[in-house]
Amino acid sequence: MMRNIKSLTPIVLGAVLVFDPGQASALDGSLFPEGYCRDTAPLVNQAALGVVAQIFPAYVDNVAGSLAGAVPLREIPKDKALALMAESSLRRYGIADFLTDAEFRGDCVYYLGEDTLKAVYDAFEMNIATPLAGLDRDEHPFRMTAMVVGRDKVGLLYDRERVTYYNERSRRTLSFRQKVFLDLGLSEDGSVKYLDRINGLSVDTGFPYGWESIEAMRQTGGKVQSYVLGKWRSPTPVHPIAQRPSKSDMMVAGCSNPEVCGMPAPAATAISLRMGFSSLDALRGLSESKTPF
């Protein structure tokens, strides 16, 4: 089954906030206005280009010490990011719906910086295995410092080499590296959305396998599944992107020491991780009875 996924050729991933993201493109009902890449100035900020180069070196050229985009690079600023999230929330989109937007499957590559991600985190809750910010299992804060998305790919950058945290929705401990990468793809009819070739994300499966990679996720029919240990796991409902309660309420609920945490711990994600083993029957049957996914 996973071979089929690997061989897929992706199709080019308080008060109510109200924003107008602009007229949507006719292409797949995009969240973006038609011609957004064409009408947006190239990314020229040297610090931002340096961050993009850390994530996707091939996307940035260095000419006589000056950085420039080797591909069409644009920044999604704070106001635009909030507008996109507000529209996603109105459409009841999950994170896979957002990432597989037609705009992220075209030639342009988009950069979201730390301040923008913080603003999105403060305003919206989303079902994502690699949260924008939160507390690790030792109650130390972590945060995403950059996201680069476009050309069927996503790259994430965090403020430390390794983050391990407990996900309450899946009731599993997840771990991810400082850099996380994944590919975006759709089935031919667009009904199945894939976050494929995930690199840098793993789950503690318990005895006897321990830490295992989450290789892919897919969303179809309002359900999301993850691919772990060679099998698609049982589906769980998509949790749409939603506006958060007030920040003060979230800090009381999600952080035992707000002065240390700085930002509230994000709501846990609903990744489907319940195993149904199909080979090595005796050993896997034991594993399922002792530590089922």
C-alpha atoms as a PDB file:
ATOM      1  CA  MET A   1       0.000   0.000   0.000  1.00  0.00           C
ATOM      2  CA  MET A   2       2.727   2.449   0.911  1.00  0.00           C
ATOM      3  CA  ARG A   3       4.441   1.795  -2.384  1.00  0.00           C
ATOM      4  CA  ASN A   4       1.413   3.237  -4.145  1.00  0.00           C
ATOM      5  CA  ILE A   5       1.629   6.372  -2.023  1.00  0.00           C
ATOM      6  CA  LYS A   6       5.337   6.751  -2.565  1.00  0.00           C
ATOM      7  CA  SER A   7       4.822   6.510  -6.324  1.00  0.00           C
ATOM      8  CA  LEU A   8       2.026   9.091  -6.406  1.00  0.00           C
ATOM      9  CA  THR A   9       2.857  12.069  -8.559  1.00  0.00           C
ATOM     10  CA  PRO A  10       1.467  15.001  -6.560  1.00  0.00           C
ATOM     11  CA  ILE A  11      -0.840  17.373  -8.433  1.00  0.00           C
ATOM     12  CA  VAL A  12       1.146  20.549  -8.530  1.00  0.00           C
ATOM     13  CA  LEU A  13       0.288  20.826   0.405  1.00  0.00           C
ATOM     14  CA  GLY A  14     -13.051  36.495  22.203  1.00  0.00           C
ATOM     15  CA  ALA A  15     -14.254  38.706  19.313  1.00  0.00           C
ATOM     16  CA  VAL A  16     -14.799  37.002  16.031  1.00  0.00           C
ATOM     17  CA  LEU A  17     -12.053  37.756  13.527  1.00  0.00           C
ATOM     18  CA  VAL A  18     -13.326  38.880  10.133  1.00  0.00           C
ATOM     19  CA  PHE A  19     -11.009  39.226   7.149  1.00  0.00           C
ATOM     20  CA  ASP A  20     -11.462  39.445   3.408  1.00  0.00           C
ATOM     21  CA  PRO A  21      -8.820  37.237   1.765  1.00  0.00           C
ATOM     22  CA  GLY A  22      -9.834  38.537  -1.648  1.00  0.00           C
ATOM     23  CA  GLN A  23     -11.547  36.921  -4.578  1.00  0.00           C
ATOM     24  CA  ALA A  24     -10.691  33.245  -4.623  1.00  0.00           C
ATOM     25  CA  SER A  25      -9.089  31.687  -7.656  1.00  0.00           C
ATOM     26  CA  ALA A  26     -11.346  29.474  -9.735  1.00  0.00           C
ATOM     27  CA  LEU A  27      -8.638  26.809  -9.525  1.00  0.00           C
ATOM     28  CA  ASP A  28      -9.821  24.305  -6.918  1.00  0.00           C
ATOM     29  CA  GLY A  29     -11.551  27.054  -4.923  1.00  0.00           C
ATOM     30  CA  SER A  30      -8.217  28.410  -3.685  1.00  0.00           C
ATOM     31  CA  LEU A  31      -8.030  30.454  -0.516  1.00  0.00           C
ATOM     32  CA  PHE A  32      -5.822  32.912  -2.404  1.00  0.00           C
ATOM     33  CA  PRO A  33      -6.890  35.623  -4.862  1.00  0.00           C
ATOM     34  CA  GLU A  34      -6.197  34.745  -8.472  1.00  0.00           C
ATOM     35  CA  GLY A  35      -2.726  35.948  -9.474  1.00  0.00           C
ATOM     36  CA  TYR A  36      -1.564  36.343  -5.868  1.00  0.00           C
ATOM     37  CA  CYS A  37       1.978  35.182  -6.610  1.00  0.00           C
ATOM     38  CA  ARG A  38       2.237  37.392  -9.699  1.00  0.00           C
ATOM     39  CA  ASP A  39       0.952  40.449  -7.851  1.00  0.00           C
ATOM     40  CA  THR A  40       3.052  40.002  -4.697  1.00  0.00           C
ATOM     41  CA  ALA A  41       6.582  41.394  -4.409  1.00  0.00           C
ATOM     42  CA  PRO A  42       9.445  38.870  -4.262  1.00  0.00           C
ATOM     43  CA  LEU A  43      10.978  38.086  -0.887  1.00  0.00           C
ATOM     44  CA  VAL A  44      14.126  40.209  -0.559  1.00  0.00           C
ATOM     45  CA  ASN A  45      14.651  40.414   3.210  1.00  0.00           C
ATOM     46  CA  GLN A  46      18.108  38.923   3.751  1.00  0.00           C
ATOM     47  CA  ALA A  47      17.340  37.458   7.186  1.00  0.00           C
ATOM     48  CA  ALA A  48      14.196  35.771   5.886  1.00  0.00           C
ATOM     49  CA  LEU A  49      16.033  34.445   2.836  1.00  0.00           C
ATOM     50  CA  GLY A  50      18.704  33.069   5.164  1.00  0.00           C
ATOM     51  CA  VAL A  51      16.029  31.143   7.065  1.00  0.00           C
ATOM     52  CA  VAL A  52      14.564  29.777   3.829  1.00  0.00           C
ATOM     53  CA  ALA A  53      18.074  28.655   2.852  1.00  0.00           C
ATOM     54  CA  GLN A  54      18.343  26.704   6.117  1.00  0.00           C
ATOM     55  CA  ILE A  55      15.216  24.762   5.227  1.00  0.00           C
ATOM     56  CA  PHE A  56      15.449  24.453   1.426  1.00  0.00           C
ATOM     57  CA  PRO A  57      18.954  25.453   0.272  1.00  0.00           C
ATOM     58  CA  ALA A  58      18.065  24.979  -3.401  1.00  0.00           C
ATOM     59  CA  TYR A  59      15.443  27.731  -3.173  1.00  0.00           C
ATOM     60  CA  VAL A  60      18.007  30.495  -2.487  1.00  0.00           C
ATOM     61  CA  ASP A  61      20.989  31.750  -4.496  1.00  0.00           C
ATOM     62  CA  ASN A  62      23.987  33.512  -2.983  1.00  0.00           C
ATOM     63  CA  VAL A  63      25.398  36.039  -5.438  1.00  0.00           C
ATOM     64  CA  ALA A  64      28.460  37.902  -4.161  1.00  0.00           C
ATOM     65  CA  GLY A  65      27.240  37.615  -0.594  1.00  0.00           C
ATOM     66  CA  SER A  66      23.691  38.755  -1.376  1.00  0.00           C
ATOM     67  CA  LEU A  67      20.818  36.284  -1.137  1.00  0.00           C
ATOM     68  CA  ALA A  68      18.038  36.071  -3.714  1.00  0.00           C
ATOM     69  CA  GLY A  69      15.324  33.594  -4.547  1.00  0.00           C
ATOM     70  CA  ALA A  70      16.335  30.829  -6.948  1.00  0.00           C
ATOM     71  CA  VAL A  71      12.600  30.129  -7.323  1.00  0.00           C
ATOM     72  CA  PRO A  72       9.663  32.558  -6.988  1.00  0.00           C
ATOM     73  CA  LEU A  73       9.678  33.331  -3.246  1.00  0.00           C
ATOM     74  CA  ARG A  74       6.983  35.326  -1.481  1.00  0.00           C
ATOM     75  CA  GLU A  75       6.231  36.111   2.154  1.00  0.00           C
ATOM     76  CA  ILE A  76       2.801  35.578   3.688  1.00  0.00           C
ATOM     77  CA  PRO A  77       2.633  38.463   6.169  1.00  0.00           C
ATOM     78  CA  LYS A  78       0.734  38.433   9.422  1.00  0.00           C
ATOM     79  CA  ASP A  79      -2.479  40.051   8.154  1.00  0.00           C
ATOM     80  CA  LYS A  80      -2.684  37.747   5.150  1.00  0.00           C
ATOM     81  CA  ALA A  81      -1.992  34.655   7.246  1.00  0.00           C
ATOM     82  CA  LEU A  82      -4.786  35.589   9.651  1.00  0.00           C
ATOM     83  CA  ALA A  83      -7.109  36.176   6.701  1.00  0.00           C
ATOM     84  CA  LEU A  84      -6.298  32.747   5.279  1.00  0.00           C
ATOM     85  CA  MET A  85      -6.906  31.082   8.631  1.00  0.00           C
ATOM     86  CA  ALA A  86     -10.207  32.928   9.078  1.00  0.00           C
ATOM     87  CA  GLU A  87     -11.389  31.815   5.651  1.00  0.00           C
ATOM     88  CA  SER A  88     -10.204  28.242   6.343  1.00  0.00           C
ATOM     89  CA  SER A  89     -12.201  28.276   9.567  1.00  0.00           C
ATOM     90  CA  LEU A  90     -15.324  29.491   7.741  1.00  0.00           C
ATOM     91  CA  ARG A  91     -14.911  26.669   5.212  1.00  0.00           C
ATOM     92  CA  ARG A  92     -14.419  24.130   8.036  1.00  0.00           C
ATOM     93  CA  TYR A  93     -11.026  23.194   6.609  1.00  0.00           C
ATOM     94  CA  GLY A  94      -8.567  20.955   8.394  1.00  0.00           C
ATOM     95  CA  ILE A  95      -4.813  21.451   8.136  1.00  0.00           C
ATOM     96  CA  ALA A  96      -4.552  19.084   5.124  1.00  0.00           C
ATOM     97  CA  ASP A  97      -7.153  21.160   3.269  1.00  0.00           C
ATOM     98  CA  PHE A  98      -5.121  24.296   3.927  1.00  0.00           C
ATOM     99  CA  LEU A  99      -1.739  22.851   2.963  1.00  0.00           C
ATOM    100  CA  THR A 100      -2.995  21.261  -0.259  1.00  0.00           C
ATOM    101  CA  ASP A 101      -4.495  24.540  -1.491  1.00  0.00           C
ATOM    102  CA  ALA A 102      -3.873  25.047  -5.205  1.00  0.00           C
ATOM    103  CA  GLU A 103      -1.581  28.006  -4.476  1.00  0.00           C
ATOM    104  CA  PHE A 104       0.835  25.742  -2.598  1.00  0.00           C
ATOM    105  CA  ARG A 105       0.904  23.327  -5.530  1.00  0.00           C
ATOM    106  CA  GLY A 106       2.079  25.901  -8.046  1.00  0.00           C
ATOM    107  CA  ASP A 107       5.486  27.399  -8.798  1.00  0.00           C
ATOM    108  CA  CYS A 108       5.539  29.939  -5.973  1.00  0.00           C
ATOM    109  CA  VAL A 109       7.073  29.187  -2.580  1.00  0.00           C
ATOM    110  CA  TYR A 110       5.759  30.985   0.502  1.00  0.00           C
ATOM    111  CA  TYR A 111       7.580  31.924   3.709  1.00  0.00           C
ATOM    112  CA  LEU A 112       5.879  32.464   7.073  1.00  0.00           C
ATOM    113  CA  GLY A 113       8.121  33.948   9.757  1.00  0.00           C
ATOM    114  CA  GLU A 114       8.123  33.571  13.511  1.00  0.00           C
ATOM    115  CA  ASP A 115       5.994  36.642  14.275  1.00  0.00           C
ATOM    116  CA  THR A 116       3.384  35.549  11.749  1.00  0.00           C
ATOM    117  CA  LEU A 117       3.262  32.017  13.132  1.00  0.00           C
ATOM    118  CA  LYS A 118       2.879  33.371  16.656  1.00  0.00           C
ATOM    119  CA  ALA A 119      -0.049  35.551  15.561  1.00  0.00           C
ATOM    120  CA  VAL A 120      -1.709  32.556  13.900  1.00  0.00           C
ATOM    121  CA  TYR A 121      -1.085  30.422  16.972  1.00  0.00           C
ATOM    122  CA  ASP A 122      -2.584  33.040  19.289  1.00  0.00           C
ATOM    123  CA  ALA A 123      -5.733  33.334  17.180  1.00  0.00           C
ATOM    124  CA  PHE A 124      -6.401  29.825  15.862  1.00  0.00           C
ATOM    125  CA  GLU A 125      -6.349  26.206  16.945  1.00  0.00           C
ATOM    126  CA  MET A 126      -5.475  23.568  14.375  1.00  0.00           C
ATOM    127  CA  ASN A 127      -5.048  19.818  14.303  1.00  0.00           C
ATOM    128  CA  ILE A 128      -1.347  19.409  13.548  1.00  0.00           C
ATOM    129  CA  ALA A 129       1.149  16.850  14.812  1.00  0.00           C
ATOM    130  CA  THR A 130       3.901  19.476  14.829  1.00  0.00           C
ATOM    131  CA  PRO A 131       2.288  22.365  16.758  1.00  0.00           C
ATOM    132  CA  LEU A 132       3.162  25.996  16.177  1.00  0.00           C
ATOM    133  CA  ALA A 133       4.044  26.275  19.881  1.00  0.00           C
ATOM    134  CA  GLY A 134       3.492  24.509  23.178  1.00  0.00           C
ATOM    135  CA  LEU A 135       5.101  22.699  26.073  1.00  0.00           C
ATOM    136  CA  ASP A 136       7.194  19.575  25.800  1.00  0.00           C
ATOM    137  CA  ARG A 137       6.817  16.638  28.189  1.00  0.00           C
ATOM    138  CA  ASP A 138       9.111  18.422  30.668  1.00  0.00           C
ATOM    139  CA  GLU A 139       6.937  21.572  30.453  1.00  0.00           C
ATOM    140  CA  HIS A 140       9.590  23.511  28.565  1.00  0.00           C
ATOM    141  CA  PRO A 141       8.182  25.849  25.887  1.00  0.00           C
ATOM    142  CA  PHE A 142       8.917  25.311  22.203  1.00  0.00           C
ATOM    143  CA  ARG A 143       7.880  27.187  19.074  1.00  0.00           C
ATOM    144  CA  MET A 144       7.967  26.956  15.300  1.00  0.00           C
ATOM    145  CA  THR A 145      10.193  29.722  13.933  1.00  0.00           C
ATOM    146  CA  ALA A 146       9.496  29.364  10.206  1.00  0.00           C
ATOM    147  CA  MET A 147       7.303  27.560   7.687  1.00  0.00           C
ATOM    148  CA  VAL A 148       8.100  27.308   3.986  1.00  0.00           C
ATOM    149  CA  VAL A 149       5.395  25.858   1.748  1.00  0.00           C
ATOM    150  CA  GLY A 150       5.039  25.582  -2.012  1.00  0.00           C
ATOM    151  CA  ARG A 151       5.889  23.398  -5.010  1.00  0.00           C
ATOM    152  CA  ASP A 152       4.173  20.441  -3.311  1.00  0.00           C
ATOM    153  CA  LYS A 153       6.487  20.625  -0.293  1.00  0.00           C
ATOM    154  CA  VAL A 154       6.450  21.887   3.291  1.00  0.00           C
ATOM    155  CA  GLY A 155       9.466  22.598   5.485  1.00  0.00           C
ATOM    156  CA  LEU A 156       9.190  23.520   9.175  1.00  0.00           C
ATOM    157  CA  LEU A 157      11.874  24.980  11.437  1.00  0.00           C
ATOM    158  CA  TYR A 158      11.803  24.906  15.261  1.00  0.00           C
ATOM    159  CA  ASP A 159      13.766  26.614  17.983  1.00  0.00           C
ATOM    160  CA  ARG A 160      15.543  23.452  19.132  1.00  0.00           C
ATOM    161  CA  GLU A 161      16.936  20.202  17.773  1.00  0.00           C
ATOM    162  CA  ARG A 162      14.323  17.855  19.251  1.00  0.00           C
ATOM    163  CA  VAL A 163      10.841  18.304  20.729  1.00  0.00           C
ATOM    164  CA  THR A 164       9.036  15.471  22.505  1.00  0.00           C
ATOM    165  CA  TYR A 165       5.529  16.102  23.804  1.00  0.00           C
ATOM    166  CA  TYR A 166       2.379  14.282  24.863  1.00  0.00           C
ATOM    167  CA  ASN A 167      -0.542  14.511  22.452  1.00  0.00           C
ATOM    168  CA  GLU A 168      -3.759  14.317  24.444  1.00  0.00           C
ATOM    169  CA  ARG A 169      -6.067  13.648  21.500  1.00  0.00           C
ATOM    170  CA  SER A 170      -4.139  10.618  20.282  1.00  0.00           C
ATOM    171  CA  ARG A 171      -2.976   9.797  23.827  1.00  0.00           C
ATOM    172  CA  ARG A 172       0.498   9.210  22.441  1.00  0.00           C
ATOM    173  CA  THR A 173       3.904  10.782  22.891  1.00  0.00           C
ATOM    174  CA  LEU A 174       5.147  12.340  19.655  1.00  0.00           C
ATOM    175  CA  SER A 175       8.579  13.667  18.793  1.00  0.00           C
ATOM    176  CA  PHE A 176       9.907  15.801  15.962  1.00  0.00           C
ATOM    177  CA  ARG A 177      13.242  17.197  14.849  1.00  0.00           C
ATOM    178  CA  GLN A 178      14.243  20.843  14.447  1.00  0.00           C
ATOM    179  CA  LYS A 179      13.487  20.489  10.737  1.00  0.00           C
ATOM    180  CA  VAL A 180      10.439  18.585   9.547  1.00  0.00           C
ATOM    181  CA  PHE A 181       9.701  17.969   5.869  1.00  0.00           C
ATOM    182  CA  LEU A 182       6.751  16.563   3.980  1.00  0.00           C
ATOM    183  CA  ASP A 183       5.351  16.370   0.468  1.00  0.00           C
ATOM    184  CA  LEU A 184       1.844  17.377  -0.570  1.00  0.00           C
ATOM    185  CA  GLY A 185      -0.347  15.391  -2.925  1.00  0.00           C
ATOM    186  CA  LEU A 186      -3.881  14.701  -4.084  1.00  0.00           C
ATOM    187  CA  SER A 187      -5.601  11.702  -5.593  1.00  0.00           C
ATOM    188  CA  GLU A 188      -6.571  12.147  -9.239  1.00  0.00           C
ATOM    189  CA  ASP A 189     -10.111  13.230  -8.369  1.00  0.00           C
ATOM    190  CA  GLY A 190      -8.918  15.423  -5.490  1.00  0.00           C
ATOM    191  CA  SER A 191     -10.929  13.531  -2.883  1.00  0.00           C
ATOM    192  CA  VAL A 192      -7.889  12.238  -0.967  1.00  0.00           C
ATOM    193  CA  LYS A 193      -5.307  14.670   0.389  1.00  0.00           C
ATOM    194  CA  TYR A 194      -1.865  13.347   1.280  1.00  0.00           C
ATOM    195  CA  LEU A 195       0.877  14.619   3.553  1.00  0.00           C
ATOM    196  CA  ASP A 196       3.481  12.200   2.265  1.00  0.00           C
ATOM    197  CA  ARG A 197       7.163  11.349   2.738  1.00  0.00           C
ATOM    198  CA  ILE A 198       7.139  12.880   6.210  1.00  0.00           C
ATOM    199  CA  ASN A 199      10.664  13.268   7.543  1.00  0.00           C
ATOM    200  CA  GLY A 200      11.415  14.135  11.160  1.00  0.00           C
ATOM    201  CA  LEU A 201       8.209  13.036  12.949  1.00  0.00           C
ATOM    202  CA  SER A 202       7.853   9.931  15.103  1.00  0.00           C
ATOM    203  CA  VAL A 203       5.571   8.340  17.687  1.00  0.00           C
ATOM    204  CA  ASP A 204       6.249   6.208  20.749  1.00  0.00           C
ATOM    205  CA  THR A 205       4.326   3.029  19.920  1.00  0.00           C
ATOM    206  CA  GLY A 206       5.148   1.317  23.211  1.00  0.00           C
ATOM    207  CA  PHE A 207       6.258  -2.304  23.535  1.00  0.00           C
ATOM    208  CA  PRO A 208       7.727  -3.933  21.470  1.00  0.00           C
ATOM    209  CA  TYR A 209       8.483  -1.398  18.712  1.00  0.00           C
ATOM    210  CA  GLY A 210       9.177   1.783  20.639  1.00  0.00           C
ATOM    211  CA  TRP A 211       9.731   4.909  18.562  1.00  0.00           C
ATOM    212  CA  GLU A 212       8.541   4.615  14.953  1.00  0.00           C
ATOM    213  CA  SER A 213       8.304   7.110  12.118  1.00  0.00           C
ATOM    214  CA  ILE A 214       4.993   8.562  11.016  1.00  0.00           C
ATOM    215  CA  GLU A 215       5.572   8.235   7.282  1.00  0.00           C
ATOM    216  CA  ALA A 216       2.428   9.806   5.860  1.00  0.00           C
ATOM    217  CA  MET A 217      -1.066  11.066   6.603  1.00  0.00           C
ATOM    218  CA  ARG A 218      -4.145  11.167   4.432  1.00  0.00           C
ATOM    219  CA  GLN A 219      -7.502  12.855   4.662  1.00  0.00           C
ATOM    220  CA  THR A 220     -10.620  11.598   2.933  1.00  0.00           C
ATOM    221  CA  GLY A 221     -14.340  11.665   3.618  1.00  0.00           C
ATOM    222  CA  GLY A 222     -13.931  13.903   6.664  1.00  0.00           C
ATOM    223  CA  LYS A 223     -11.492  11.441   8.269  1.00  0.00           C
ATOM    224  CA  VAL A 224      -7.732  11.493   8.763  1.00  0.00           C
ATOM    225  CA  GLN A 225      -5.338   8.542   9.061  1.00  0.00           C
ATOM    226  CA  SER A 226      -1.633   8.129   9.685  1.00  0.00           C
ATOM    227  CA  TYR A 227       0.724   5.557   8.208  1.00  0.00           C
ATOM    228  CA  VAL A 228       2.867   3.876  10.893  1.00  0.00           C
ATOM    229  CA  LEU A 229       4.665   0.521  10.912  1.00  0.00           C
ATOM    230  CA  GLY A 230       3.593  -0.336   7.390  1.00  0.00           C
ATOM    231  CA  LYS A 231      -0.147   0.218   7.709  1.00  0.00           C
ATOM    232  CA  TRP A 232      -2.807   2.908   7.550  1.00  0.00           C
ATOM    233  CA  ARG A 233      -4.261   3.280  11.028  1.00  0.00           C
ATOM    234  CA  SER A 234      -7.891   3.654  12.031  1.00  0.00           C
ATOM    235  CA  PRO A 235      -9.426   6.969  10.918  1.00  0.00           C
ATOM    236  CA  THR A 236     -10.491   9.796  13.204  1.00  0.00           C
ATOM    237  CA  PRO A 237     -12.593  12.855  12.355  1.00  0.00           C
ATOM    238  CA  VAL A 238     -10.911  15.907  10.860  1.00  0.00           C
ATOM    239  CA  HIS A 239     -10.746  18.743  13.383  1.00  0.00           C
ATOM    240  CA  PRO A 240     -11.345  21.973  11.465  1.00  0.00           C
ATOM    241  CA  ILE A 241      -9.200  25.028  12.003  1.00  0.00           C
ATOM    242  CA  ALA A 242     -11.014  27.085  14.645  1.00  0.00           C
ATOM    243  CA  GLN A 243     -10.636  30.371  16.452  1.00  0.00           C
ATOM    244  CA  ARG A 244      -9.196  30.038  19.923  1.00  0.00           C
ATOM    245  CA  PRO A 245     -10.799  31.197  23.153  1.00  0.00           C
ATOM    246  CA  SER A 246      -9.182  34.243  24.695  1.00  0.00           C
ATOM    247  CA  LYS A 247      -5.455  33.904  25.318  1.00  0.00           C
ATOM    248  CA  SER A 248      -5.870  34.374  29.069  1.00  0.00           C
ATOM    249  CA  ASP A 249      -8.297  31.441  29.242  1.00  0.00           C
ATOM    250  CA  MET A 250      -5.921  29.236  27.266  1.00  0.00           C
ATOM    251  CA  MET A 251      -2.969  30.124  29.474  1.00  0.00           C
ATOM    252  CA  VAL A 252      -4.870  29.133  32.592  1.00  0.00           C
ATOM    253  CA  ALA A 253      -5.968  25.876  30.995  1.00  0.00           C
ATOM    254  CA  GLY A 254      -2.765  24.872  29.222  1.00  0.00           C
ATOM    255  CA  CYS A 255       0.187  26.131  31.224  1.00  0.00           C
ATOM    256  CA  SER A 256       0.975  25.649  34.867  1.00  0.00           C
ATOM    257  CA  ASN A 257       3.360  28.627  34.848  1.00  0.00           C
ATOM    258  CA  PRO A 258       2.283  31.288  32.293  1.00  0.00           C
ATOM    259  CA  GLU A 259       5.282  33.507  33.027  1.00  0.00           C
ATOM    260  CA  VAL A 260       7.563  30.714  31.855  1.00  0.00           C
ATOM    261  CA  CYS A 261       5.423  29.395  29.024  1.00  0.00           C
ATOM    262  CA  GLY A 262       4.923  32.695  27.254  1.00  0.00           C
ATOM    263  CA  MET A 263       2.331  31.154  24.922  1.00  0.00           C
ATOM    264  CA  PRO A 264      -0.407  28.677  25.809  1.00  0.00           C
ATOM    265  CA  ALA A 265       0.136  25.024  25.088  1.00  0.00           C
ATOM    266  CA  PRO A 266      -1.687  24.207  21.848  1.00  0.00           C
ATOM    267  CA  ALA A 267      -4.659  21.916  21.785  1.00  0.00           C
ATOM    268  CA  ALA A 268      -3.519  18.370  21.132  1.00  0.00           C
ATOM    269  CA  THR A 269      -3.974  16.952  17.669  1.00  0.00           C
ATOM    270  CA  ALA A 270      -6.237  14.097  16.624  1.00  0.00           C
ATOM    271  CA  ILE A 271      -3.850  11.976  14.634  1.00  0.00           C
ATOM    272  CA  SER A 272      -5.167   8.475  14.174  1.00  0.00           C
ATOM    273  CA  LEU A 273      -2.670   6.109  15.759  1.00  0.00           C
ATOM    274  CA  ARG A 274      -4.694   3.063  16.794  1.00  0.00           C
ATOM    275  CA  MET A 275      -2.928   0.025  15.446  1.00  0.00           C
ATOM    276  CA  GLY A 276      -4.465  -3.035  13.799  1.00  0.00           C
ATOM    277  CA  PHE A 277      -1.529  -5.354  13.168  1.00  0.00           C
ATOM    278  CA  SER A 278      -1.693  -7.698  10.202  1.00  0.00           C
ATOM    279  CA  SER A 279       1.626  -9.574  10.213  1.00  0.00           C
ATOM    280  CA  LEU A 280       3.870 -11.202  12.808  1.00  0.00           C
ATOM    281  CA  ASP A 281       0.569 -12.205  14.364  1.00  0.00           C
ATOM    282  CA  ALA A 282       1.709 -13.441  17.736  1.00  0.00           C
ATOM    283  CA  LEU A 283       4.073 -10.593  18.521  1.00  0.00           C
ATOM    284  CA  ARG A 284       1.848  -7.912  17.093  1.00  0.00           C
ATOM    285  CA  GLY A 285      -1.218  -9.360  18.759  1.00  0.00           C
ATOM    286  CA  LEU A 286       0.596  -9.089  22.062  1.00  0.00           C
ATOM    287  CA  SER A 287       1.568  -5.504  21.260  1.00  0.00           C
ATOM    288  CA  GLU A 288      -1.999  -4.595  20.376  1.00  0.00           C
ATOM    289  CA  SER A 289      -3.377  -6.056  23.578  1.00  0.00           C
ATOM    290  CA  LYS A 290      -0.767  -4.294  25.727  1.00  0.00           C
ATOM    291  CA  THR A 291      -0.286  -0.970  23.970  1.00  0.00           C
ATOM    292  CA  PRO A 292      -2.934  -0.542  21.260  1.00  0.00           C
ATOM    293  CA  PHE A 293      -2.828   2.493  19.003  1.00  0.00           C
END
